[in-house]
Each structure stands twice: as C-alpha cells, then as structure tokens.
C-alpha cells in the first residue's frame, strides 16, 4: 500500500484509508476522498507541488503533505 503523493502522473488508484481524526484528515474525507473511491493523478505544478487529482468527477489540488495522508492501492494507468 502506498500514499497518493507517491503515484506518478497518469496513474489511477483506489483509496483504502484516510487515517487520523485531526482536522486535515476530516477535511479530506469531506472533499470526497473516502475509502473505496477511485482517484487519478492528473498532473503536478512545475515544481512538483501541488498535485492535481481527479476524484468523483471533479479535479482537486492537494499539497504533497496532504496527499501523503491518503492511502491508496494502485489500480493502473489512465
């Protein structure tokens, strides 16, 4: 199992967990990053941070430290 920040651009994955009960973990869950949901890494900013991901039909930008909290099981290439 890896985290969302470790996936290369073009990869899709399934979210397995967003651990923690802090405000950031809860906010990620509120944004739709829930276990069982598919997510794809669409791109990165020129310096590598933030990441652009597609989840539930919309695109979302996440800092790498935020994406590190999202555990995923890689599914394949987009």
Protein backbone atom coordinates (compact mmCIF):
# COMPACT_ATOMS: atom_id res chain seq x y z
CA UNK A 1 0.00 0.00 0.00
CA UNK A 2 1.23 3.50 -0.80
CA UNK A 3 0.06 7.05 -0.45
CA UNK A 4 -1.48 9.31 -3.07
CA UNK A 5 1.62 11.52 -3.17
CA UNK A 6 3.73 8.56 -4.40
CA UNK A 7 1.64 7.88 -7.51
CA UNK A 8 3.04 9.12 -10.82
CA UNK A 9 1.03 11.31 -13.17
CA UNK A 10 -1.40 9.22 -15.21
CA UNK A 11 -1.90 6.56 -12.54
CA UNK A 12 -5.26 5.61 -11.09
CA UNK A 13 -5.84 4.10 -7.69
CA UNK A 14 -8.49 3.17 -5.17
CA UNK A 15 -8.48 4.95 -1.82
CA UNK A 16 -8.11 2.49 1.04
CA UNK A 17 -7.88 4.77 4.08
CA UNK A 18 -7.54 8.33 5.32
CA UNK A 19 -6.27 7.72 8.85
CA UNK A 20 -6.49 10.18 11.69
CA UNK A 21 -9.13 12.22 13.42
CA UNK A 22 -7.48 15.61 13.03
CA UNK A 23 -8.97 18.48 11.09
CA UNK A 24 -6.99 17.83 7.93
CA UNK A 25 -7.98 14.16 7.67
CA UNK A 26 -11.63 15.04 8.24
CA UNK A 27 -11.46 17.78 5.60
CA UNK A 28 -10.03 15.34 3.05
CA UNK A 29 -12.93 12.98 3.75
CA UNK A 30 -15.38 15.88 3.33
CA UNK A 31 -13.85 16.67 -0.07
CA UNK A 32 -14.79 13.17 -1.26
CA UNK A 33 -11.55 11.28 -0.64
CA UNK A 34 -13.29 8.36 1.05
CA UNK A 35 -12.28 4.68 1.16
CA UNK A 36 -13.38 2.77 -1.94
CA UNK A 37 -13.37 5.82 -4.19
CA UNK A 38 -11.29 5.87 -7.36
CA UNK A 39 -8.75 8.65 -7.79
CA UNK A 40 -6.41 9.59 -10.65
CA UNK A 41 -3.31 11.79 -10.61
CA UNK A 42 -3.81 14.25 -13.47
CA UNK A 43 -0.77 16.50 -13.10
CA UNK A 44 1.61 18.44 -10.90
CA UNK A 45 2.69 22.04 -10.69
CA UNK A 46 6.04 22.90 -12.33
CA UNK A 47 7.95 22.45 -9.05
CA UNK A 48 6.04 19.27 -8.13
CA UNK A 49 3.70 20.72 -5.52
CA UNK A 50 0.66 20.75 -5.51
CA UNK A 51 -0.76 17.65 -7.20
CA UNK A 52 -3.90 17.77 -9.33
CA UNK A 53 -6.14 14.74 -8.85
CA UNK A 54 -9.49 13.72 -10.27
CA UNK A 55 -11.98 12.23 -7.84
CA UNK A 56 -15.75 11.76 -8.17
CA UNK A 57 -15.82 13.63 -11.49
CA UNK A 58 -14.05 16.80 -10.38
CA UNK A 59 -10.45 17.96 -10.12
CA UNK A 60 -8.81 18.84 -6.86
CA UNK A 61 -5.42 20.31 -6.00
CA UNK A 62 -3.65 18.89 -2.95
CA UNK A 63 -0.33 19.70 -1.36
CA UNK A 64 2.01 16.71 -1.23
CA UNK A 65 1.85 16.66 2.59
CA UNK A 66 -1.95 16.41 2.35
CA UNK A 67 -1.79 13.70 -0.33
CA UNK A 68 0.58 11.72 1.91
CA UNK A 69 -2.33 11.18 4.33
CA UNK A 70 -4.42 9.38 1.69
CA UNK A 71 -3.55 5.67 1.49
CA UNK A 72 -4.23 4.04 -1.89
CA UNK A 73 -4.00 0.70 -3.68
CA UNK A 74 -2.73 1.37 -7.23
CA UNK A 75 -5.06 0.17 -9.98
CA UNK A 76 -3.31 1.06 -13.22
CA UNK A 77 -2.62 3.68 -15.86
CA UNK A 78 -5.12 6.17 -17.10
